[in-house]
Amino acid sequence: MQPNTNLASVAVVIPALNEERSLPLVLADLPAVGYVIVADNGSTDATAEVALEGGAIVVHEAQKGYGSACLRGLAAIAAKIEHGEAPPQIVVFVDADFSDHADMLPELIAPIQSGEADFVLGSRLLGEREPGAMPPQSVYGNKLACFLMRILFGVRYTDLGPFRAIDYAKLCTLGMEDENFGWTIEMQIKAARAGLRHLEIPVPYRNRIGTSKISGTLSGSFKAGYKILYTIARYGMRSRKTQPSSLRVHRRVEA
């Protein structure tokens, strides 16, 4: 049974790089929302064309990087607001490689629309994963990053999953800036430091279509791991100087 949600108040941002095969499946899985923005990060295939055919708004970001594409998507939302469109209540981020189950968007946004949470993360480690969907280095890296965030910031996460929903107004206060592999963990750290109420819900995760830009190569895994650890250390040092008196730890939604 689908939760009672207002999908018209939701904007979806999909960062994409050479995803012509998988993107139509993602767009078909998404329920009808306010609008979908595909941030094409310099694709050399027909990603932009299939996005337009699937009803998405396409924006282009030449500077390579997952975070750069996400920032470009947010800039497109801001531009729509500047031209008189009402701001969305919620922004949802989902990958373009069909590994996430975009049809679960209503479950992801329900706690925000009910006033229970400001930020909802789809946890792949709490959900069912197809064999091979997350290689061992990805599982280990996510667990290590979450352990370090718990130690340094007093917040419990189980994953750095890309499928996530966040209150748009609160997202705007976080000052997101990372342009590549540190985007997801930057959001989680800044949400914790800002005292945002967060929940995790288990989400299934399947094998992506095509090769991962991160875990699919040794160099990609190394660069991502380095950037994630660097981001934790960077904000950890800042927290020592401006640590709040307490950080609330919020419950997870178990399957």
Protein backbone atom coordinates (compact mmCIF):
# COMPACT_ATOMS: atom_id res chain seq x y z
CA MET A 1 0.00 0.00 0.00
CA GLN A 2 1.42 3.36 -1.07
CA PRO A 3 1.75 6.05 1.61
CA ASN A 4 -0.43 9.14 1.31
CA THR A 5 1.97 11.65 -0.22
CA ASN A 6 1.84 14.83 -2.28
CA LEU A 7 4.06 13.99 -5.23
CA ALA A 8 3.40 17.30 -6.99
CA SER A 9 5.59 19.06 -4.39
CA VAL A 10 8.62 16.88 -5.18
CA ALA A 11 11.52 17.62 -7.53
CA VAL A 12 13.85 14.81 -8.56
CA VAL A 13 17.51 15.33 -9.50
CA ILE A 14 19.27 12.60 -11.50
CA PRO A 15 23.00 13.06 -12.16
CA ALA A 16 23.86 11.16 -15.34
CA LEU A 17 26.92 10.31 -17.41
CA ASN A 18 26.53 8.01 -20.43
CA GLU A 19 23.36 6.32 -19.15
CA GLU A 20 21.31 6.03 -22.36
CA ARG A 21 20.48 2.36 -21.66
CA SER A 22 19.47 2.65 -18.02
CA LEU A 23 17.98 6.14 -17.74
CA PRO A 24 14.71 5.33 -19.56
CA LEU A 25 14.11 2.54 -17.03
CA VAL A 26 14.70 4.91 -14.11
CA LEU A 27 12.33 7.51 -15.55
CA ALA A 28 9.69 4.85 -16.18
CA ASP A 29 9.95 3.67 -12.57
CA LEU A 30 9.53 7.13 -11.08
CA PRO A 31 5.99 8.07 -10.06
CA ALA A 32 4.63 11.32 -11.49
CA VAL A 33 6.25 14.14 -9.48
CA GLY A 34 6.42 17.90 -9.87
CA TYR A 35 9.35 17.63 -12.26
CA VAL A 36 12.50 15.63 -12.93
CA ILE A 37 15.85 17.22 -13.73
CA VAL A 38 18.54 15.15 -15.41
CA ALA A 39 21.95 16.75 -14.98
CA ASP A 40 23.96 15.50 -17.94
CA ASN A 41 27.59 15.46 -16.86
CA GLY A 42 29.18 15.52 -20.29
CA SER A 43 27.71 12.36 -21.82
CA THR A 44 28.96 11.24 -25.22
CA ASP A 45 25.95 8.99 -25.86
CA ALA A 46 22.22 9.74 -26.16
CA THR A 47 21.63 10.34 -22.43
CA ALA A 48 20.21 13.82 -22.99
CA GLU A 49 17.94 12.68 -25.80
CA VAL A 50 16.41 9.76 -23.88
CA ALA A 51 15.95 12.04 -20.85
CA LEU A 52 13.93 14.49 -22.92
CA GLU A 53 11.91 11.65 -24.44
CA GLY A 54 11.17 10.45 -20.90
CA GLY A 55 9.72 13.84 -19.90
CA ALA A 56 12.68 15.14 -17.89
CA ILE A 57 14.21 18.60 -17.92
CA VAL A 58 17.82 18.33 -19.11
CA VAL A 59 20.61 20.60 -17.91
CA HIS A 60 24.27 20.26 -18.81
CA GLU A 61 27.31 20.35 -16.54
CA ALA A 62 30.65 20.16 -18.32
CA GLN A 63 32.76 19.85 -15.18
CA LYS A 64 32.99 16.17 -14.41
CA GLY A 65 31.97 14.96 -10.97
CA TYR A 66 28.95 13.51 -9.20
CA GLY A 67 28.69 16.53 -6.95
CA SER A 68 29.05 18.94 -9.88
CA ALA A 69 26.06 17.29 -11.57
CA CYS A 70 23.98 17.43 -8.38
CA LEU A 71 24.87 21.10 -7.86
CA ARG A 72 23.86 21.84 -11.44
CA GLY A 73 20.52 20.17 -10.80
CA LEU A 74 19.97 22.31 -7.72
CA ALA A 75 20.92 25.43 -9.69
CA ALA A 76 18.20 24.51 -12.18
CA ILE A 77 15.66 24.33 -9.36
CA ALA A 78 16.79 27.74 -8.09
CA ALA A 79 16.42 29.17 -11.60
CA LYS A 80 12.84 27.90 -11.82
CA ILE A 81 12.06 29.58 -8.50
CA GLU A 82 13.64 32.84 -9.70
CA HIS A 83 11.28 32.74 -12.67
CA GLY A 84 8.26 32.59 -10.40
CA GLU A 85 7.72 28.88 -9.85
CA ALA A 86 6.93 27.74 -6.31
CA PRO A 87 9.82 25.95 -4.60
CA PRO A 88 9.49 22.20 -4.12
CA GLN A 89 8.90 20.89 -0.63
CA ILE A 90 11.29 17.98 -1.14
CA VAL A 91 14.20 17.16 -3.43
CA VAL A 92 14.93 13.51 -4.17
CA PHE A 93 18.26 12.34 -5.56
CA VAL A 94 18.44 9.05 -7.45
CA ASP A 95 21.14 7.50 -9.63
CA ALA A 96 20.69 7.03 -13.37
CA ASP A 97 22.13 3.51 -13.60
CA PHE A 98 18.92 1.68 -12.51
CA SER A 99 20.53 0.27 -9.35
CA ASP A 100 18.10 2.18 -7.13
CA HIS A 101 14.39 1.36 -7.01
CA ALA A 102 12.97 4.74 -7.99
CA ASP A 103 9.43 3.42 -7.57
CA MET A 104 10.03 3.59 -3.80
CA LEU A 105 10.05 7.39 -3.88
CA PRO A 106 6.68 7.67 -2.04
CA GLU A 107 8.09 5.65 0.88
CA LEU A 108 11.15 7.87 0.94
CA ILE A 109 9.29 11.18 1.09
CA ALA A 110 6.45 10.11 3.41
CA PRO A 111 8.32 10.77 6.70
CA ILE A 112 9.20 14.29 5.51
CA GLN A 113 5.67 15.15 4.44
CA SER A 114 4.26 13.78 7.69
CA GLY A 115 6.62 16.01 9.69
CA GLU A 116 8.56 13.09 11.15
CA ALA A 117 11.89 13.80 9.45
CA ASP A 118 13.79 16.40 7.42
CA PHE A 119 16.11 13.99 5.65
CA VAL A 120 15.45 10.38 4.64
CA LEU A 121 18.20 8.09 3.40
CA GLY A 122 17.56 4.87 1.51
CA SER A 123 19.93 2.37 3.14
CA ARG A 124 21.19 -0.39 0.87
CA LEU A 125 22.87 -2.11 3.81
CA LEU A 126 19.56 -2.41 5.66
CA GLY A 127 17.79 -3.61 2.50
CA GLU A 128 18.10 -6.56 0.14
CA ARG A 129 21.00 -6.42 -2.31
CA GLU A 130 21.40 -8.48 -5.44
CA PRO A 131 24.61 -10.55 -5.44
CA GLY A 132 27.40 -8.38 -6.79
CA ALA A 133 25.42 -5.12 -6.59
CA MET A 134 27.81 -3.75 -3.97
CA PRO A 135 31.37 -5.10 -4.16
CA PRO A 136 33.13 -5.86 -0.86
CA GLN A 137 35.16 -2.65 -0.95
CA SER A 138 31.95 -0.62 -1.21
CA VAL A 139 30.33 -2.40 1.74
CA TYR A 140 33.45 -2.03 3.85
CA GLY A 141 33.96 1.60 2.85
CA ASN A 142 30.38 2.53 3.70
CA LYS A 143 30.56 0.82 7.08
CA LEU A 144 33.87 2.52 7.90
CA ALA A 145 32.57 5.94 6.90
CA CYS A 146 29.43 5.50 9.01
CA PHE A 147 31.48 4.32 11.98
CA LEU A 148 33.71 7.41 11.75
CA MET A 149 30.69 9.71 11.49
CA ARG A 150 29.26 8.13 14.62
CA ILE A 151 32.52 8.69 16.51
CA LEU A 152 33.15 12.23 15.28
CA PHE A 153 29.64 13.64 14.89
CA GLY A 154 27.48 11.49 17.18
CA VAL A 155 25.10 10.47 14.41
CA ARG A 156 24.07 6.97 13.34
CA TYR A 157 23.96 6.11 9.66
CA THR A 158 24.35 2.70 8.05
CA ASP A 159 25.02 3.78 4.46
CA LEU A 160 26.01 6.59 2.12
CA GLY A 161 23.32 5.56 -0.36
CA PRO A 162 22.59 7.86 -3.32
CA PHE A 163 18.80 7.41 -3.13
CA ARG A 164 17.74 10.10 -0.65
CA ALA A 165 15.12 12.75 0.00
CA ILE A 166 15.53 16.01 1.86
CA ASP A 167 13.41 19.02 2.73
CA TYR A 168 14.34 21.59 0.09
CA ALA A 169 14.35 24.63 2.38
CA LYS A 170 16.62 22.85 4.83
CA LEU A 171 18.87 21.59 2.07
CA CYS A 172 19.40 25.19 0.99
CA THR A 173 20.80 26.02 4.44
CA LEU A 174 23.47 23.31 4.28
CA GLY A 175 25.70 25.08 1.79
CA MET A 176 26.51 22.02 -0.30
CA GLU A 177 29.74 22.45 -2.24
CA ASP A 178 31.51 19.15 -2.93
CA GLU A 179 31.94 18.56 -6.65
CA ASN A 180 32.73 14.85 -6.78
CA PHE A 181 32.86 11.75 -4.58
CA GLY A 182 32.29 13.56 -1.27
CA TRP A 183 28.79 14.82 -2.10
CA THR A 184 26.76 12.17 -0.27
CA ILE A 185 28.78 12.15 2.93
CA GLU A 186 29.00 15.97 2.95
CA MET A 187 25.20 16.11 3.00
CA GLN A 188 25.00 13.59 5.84
CA ILE A 189 27.62 15.36 7.95
CA LYS A 190 26.11 18.78 7.40
CA ALA A 191 22.61 17.47 8.12
CA ALA A 192 23.88 16.08 11.43
CA ARG A 193 25.69 19.28 12.36
CA ALA A 194 22.57 21.32 11.52
CA GLY A 195 20.42 19.12 13.76
CA LEU A 196 18.20 17.86 10.95
CA ARG A 197 15.95 14.97 11.90
CA HIS A 198 16.92 11.98 9.81
CA LEU A 199 15.61 8.51 9.17
CA GLU A 200 16.90 5.57 7.22
CA ILE A 201 14.60 3.17 5.42
CA PRO A 202 15.74 -0.15 3.91
CA VAL A 203 15.81 -0.07 0.13
CA PRO A 204 16.59 -2.92 -2.29
CA TYR A 205 19.60 -2.49 -4.55
CA ARG A 206 20.23 -4.23 -7.85
CA ASN A 207 23.13 -4.59 -10.23
CA ARG A 208 23.56 -1.43 -12.23
CA ILE A 209 23.33 -1.30 -15.98
CA GLY A 210 26.82 -0.52 -17.26
CA THR A 211 30.03 -0.03 -15.30
CA SER A 212 30.14 1.99 -12.09
CA LYS A 213 32.16 5.19 -12.35
CA ILE A 214 33.32 4.61 -8.76
CA SER A 215 33.40 0.97 -7.63
CA GLY A 216 33.73 -0.37 -11.17
CA THR A 217 37.43 0.52 -11.37
CA LEU A 218 40.33 0.33 -8.93
CA SER A 219 41.23 3.98 -9.45
CA GLY A 220 37.61 5.04 -8.97
CA SER A 221 37.34 3.10 -5.70
CA PHE A 222 40.60 4.59 -4.43
CA LYS A 223 39.64 8.16 -5.34
CA ALA A 224 36.19 7.79 -3.78
CA GLY A 225 37.59 6.24 -0.61
CA TYR A 226 40.21 8.95 -0.25
CA LYS A 227 37.71 11.75 -0.79
CA ILE A 228 35.21 10.30 1.67
CA LEU A 229 37.86 9.96 4.39
CA TYR A 230 39.19 13.43 3.60
CA THR A 231 35.69 14.91 3.91
CA ILE A 232 35.14 13.23 7.28
CA ALA A 233 38.49 14.51 8.55
CA ARG A 234 37.85 18.00 7.22
CA TYR A 235 34.52 18.42 8.95
CA GLY A 236 35.74 16.53 12.00
CA MET A 237 38.40 19.17 12.55
CA ARG A 238 35.81 21.92 12.20
CA SER A 239 33.52 20.19 14.69
CA ARG A 240 36.22 20.20 17.35
CA LYS A 241 36.20 23.98 17.19
CA THR A 242 32.41 24.44 17.00
CA GLN A 243 30.98 21.24 18.50
CA PRO A 244 27.37 21.74 19.70
CA SER A 245 26.56 20.71 23.23
CA SER A 246 24.54 17.74 22.02
CA LEU A 247 23.57 15.98 18.83
CA ARG A 248 20.36 14.04 18.68
CA VAL A 249 20.56 10.50 17.33
CA HIS A 250 17.45 9.51 15.42
CA ARG A 251 15.95 6.11 14.96
CA ARG A 252 16.18 3.96 11.89
CA VAL A 253 13.13 2.43 10.26
CA GLU A 254 13.70 -1.30 10.22
CA ALA A 255 12.30 -3.57 7.53
